[in-house]
């Protein structure tokens, strides 16, 4: 088993709440670990929310475009203009990842989903 790195090597401690419906984050700095920072809030059509929908939008090249409210809003605009068909919009996908193999790269992840309808 690898040894843990000394805590002095870390400048920031971060937590990501990757939820089924909504996601958020928080972090603290080594200089003041008891002070916890969280996102100031995502703009939810004029309202502020500490969490954002767990949604991701990929462009026609399957590259990341946006996440959360920004992804929802952009995809809605694309759909209204009938330009959405080559875009990939994923929402509430966390549980699909749970029991499937996930392959990560620097710019994209691929999920191998088990077919339950054989």
Protein backbone atom coordinates (compact mmCIF):
# COMPACT_ATOMS: atom_id res chain seq x y z
CA UNK A 1 0.00 0.00 0.00
CA UNK A 2 1.31 3.46 -0.93
CA UNK A 3 2.14 5.88 1.84
CA UNK A 4 -0.11 8.90 2.24
CA UNK A 5 1.43 12.23 1.28
CA UNK A 6 2.16 14.54 4.21
CA UNK A 7 -0.66 16.99 4.85
CA UNK A 8 1.79 19.91 4.52
CA UNK A 9 1.98 19.14 0.79
CA UNK A 10 -1.68 20.04 0.26
CA UNK A 11 -2.78 23.64 -0.17
CA UNK A 12 -6.51 22.99 -0.54
CA UNK A 13 -8.97 20.36 0.60
CA UNK A 14 -11.99 20.04 -1.70
CA UNK A 15 -15.28 18.15 -1.54
CA UNK A 16 -17.59 17.53 -4.49
CA UNK A 17 -21.18 16.46 -3.93
CA UNK A 18 -21.92 14.64 -7.19
CA UNK A 19 -25.60 13.99 -6.64
CA UNK A 20 -28.24 12.13 -8.60
CA UNK A 21 -30.28 15.27 -9.24
CA UNK A 22 -28.07 18.15 -8.05
CA UNK A 23 -24.35 18.71 -7.43
CA UNK A 24 -22.27 21.16 -5.42
CA UNK A 25 -18.83 21.73 -3.95
CA UNK A 26 -16.96 23.15 -0.99
CA UNK A 27 -13.30 23.65 -0.08
CA UNK A 28 -10.97 24.88 2.64
CA UNK A 29 -7.40 26.17 2.53
CA UNK A 30 -4.47 24.87 4.54
CA UNK A 31 -3.92 28.35 5.98
CA UNK A 32 -7.36 28.27 7.68
CA UNK A 33 -8.83 24.74 7.51
CA UNK A 34 -11.79 25.55 9.75
CA UNK A 35 -13.09 28.16 7.27
CA UNK A 36 -15.11 26.31 4.64
CA UNK A 37 -15.91 27.98 1.33
CA UNK A 38 -18.79 26.86 -0.83
CA UNK A 39 -19.86 28.06 -4.22
CA UNK A 40 -21.49 31.47 -4.04
CA UNK A 41 -24.47 30.15 -5.93
CA UNK A 42 -25.45 29.21 -9.43
CA UNK A 43 -27.88 31.40 -11.33
CA UNK A 44 -31.09 29.41 -11.74
CA UNK A 45 -33.06 31.71 -14.03
CA UNK A 46 -32.84 34.64 -11.65
CA UNK A 47 -32.68 32.63 -8.42
CA UNK A 48 -29.48 31.64 -6.64
CA UNK A 49 -28.93 28.01 -5.72
CA UNK A 50 -26.04 26.40 -3.85
CA UNK A 51 -26.45 23.32 -6.03
CA UNK A 52 -26.83 22.92 -9.76
CA UNK A 53 -28.51 20.12 -11.71
CA UNK A 54 -26.28 17.14 -12.42
CA UNK A 55 -26.47 17.70 -16.18
CA UNK A 56 -23.71 17.86 -18.76
CA UNK A 57 -23.80 19.06 -22.37
CA UNK A 58 -21.32 17.82 -24.96
CA UNK A 59 -20.87 19.36 -28.40
CA UNK A 60 -21.01 17.45 -31.69
CA UNK A 61 -17.34 16.43 -31.22
CA UNK A 62 -18.30 14.87 -27.86
CA UNK A 63 -16.31 17.55 -26.03
CA UNK A 64 -17.44 19.14 -22.79
CA UNK A 65 -19.44 22.32 -23.28
CA UNK A 66 -21.25 23.08 -20.03
CA UNK A 67 -22.57 21.71 -16.75
CA UNK A 68 -25.64 22.31 -14.58
CA UNK A 69 -28.00 25.21 -15.18
CA UNK A 70 -25.76 26.46 -17.99
CA UNK A 71 -26.08 23.09 -19.78
CA UNK A 72 -29.87 23.00 -19.30
CA UNK A 73 -30.32 26.54 -20.59
CA UNK A 74 -28.04 26.13 -23.58
CA UNK A 75 -29.66 22.85 -24.61
CA UNK A 76 -33.13 24.43 -24.31
CA UNK A 77 -32.01 27.29 -26.57
CA UNK A 78 -30.54 24.82 -29.08
CA UNK A 79 -33.79 22.82 -29.06
CA UNK A 80 -35.90 25.96 -29.59
CA UNK A 81 -33.76 26.78 -32.63
CA UNK A 82 -33.88 23.10 -33.74
CA UNK A 83 -30.06 22.90 -33.57
CA UNK A 84 -29.86 20.34 -30.76
CA UNK A 85 -29.74 17.04 -32.65
CA UNK A 86 -25.94 16.79 -32.89
CA UNK A 87 -25.43 17.80 -29.23
CA UNK A 88 -25.39 15.28 -26.36
CA UNK A 89 -27.30 16.24 -23.21
CA UNK A 90 -27.12 14.00 -20.13
CA UNK A 91 -29.13 14.63 -16.99
CA UNK A 92 -29.53 12.58 -13.80
CA UNK A 93 -26.99 10.05 -15.04
CA UNK A 94 -25.24 9.28 -11.74
CA UNK A 95 -26.96 5.94 -11.10
CA UNK A 96 -26.17 4.76 -14.64
CA UNK A 97 -22.50 5.16 -13.73
CA UNK A 98 -22.92 3.23 -10.48
CA UNK A 99 -22.92 -0.36 -11.82
CA UNK A 100 -21.17 0.19 -15.14
CA UNK A 101 -17.57 0.47 -16.30
CA UNK A 102 -16.45 4.05 -16.78
CA UNK A 103 -13.50 4.90 -19.01
CA UNK A 104 -11.96 8.33 -18.39
CA UNK A 105 -9.72 10.45 -20.56
CA UNK A 106 -8.64 14.09 -20.20
CA UNK A 107 -11.59 15.44 -22.15
CA UNK A 108 -14.37 12.84 -22.03
CA UNK A 109 -15.66 9.80 -20.24
CA UNK A 110 -17.34 6.77 -21.78
CA UNK A 111 -19.78 4.54 -19.94
CA UNK A 112 -20.22 0.91 -20.94
CA UNK A 113 -23.84 0.27 -19.97
CA UNK A 114 -25.09 -3.22 -19.32
CA UNK A 115 -28.12 -4.00 -21.46
CA UNK A 116 -30.92 -5.17 -19.19
CA UNK A 117 -33.38 -5.71 -22.06
CA UNK A 118 -31.92 -8.85 -23.69
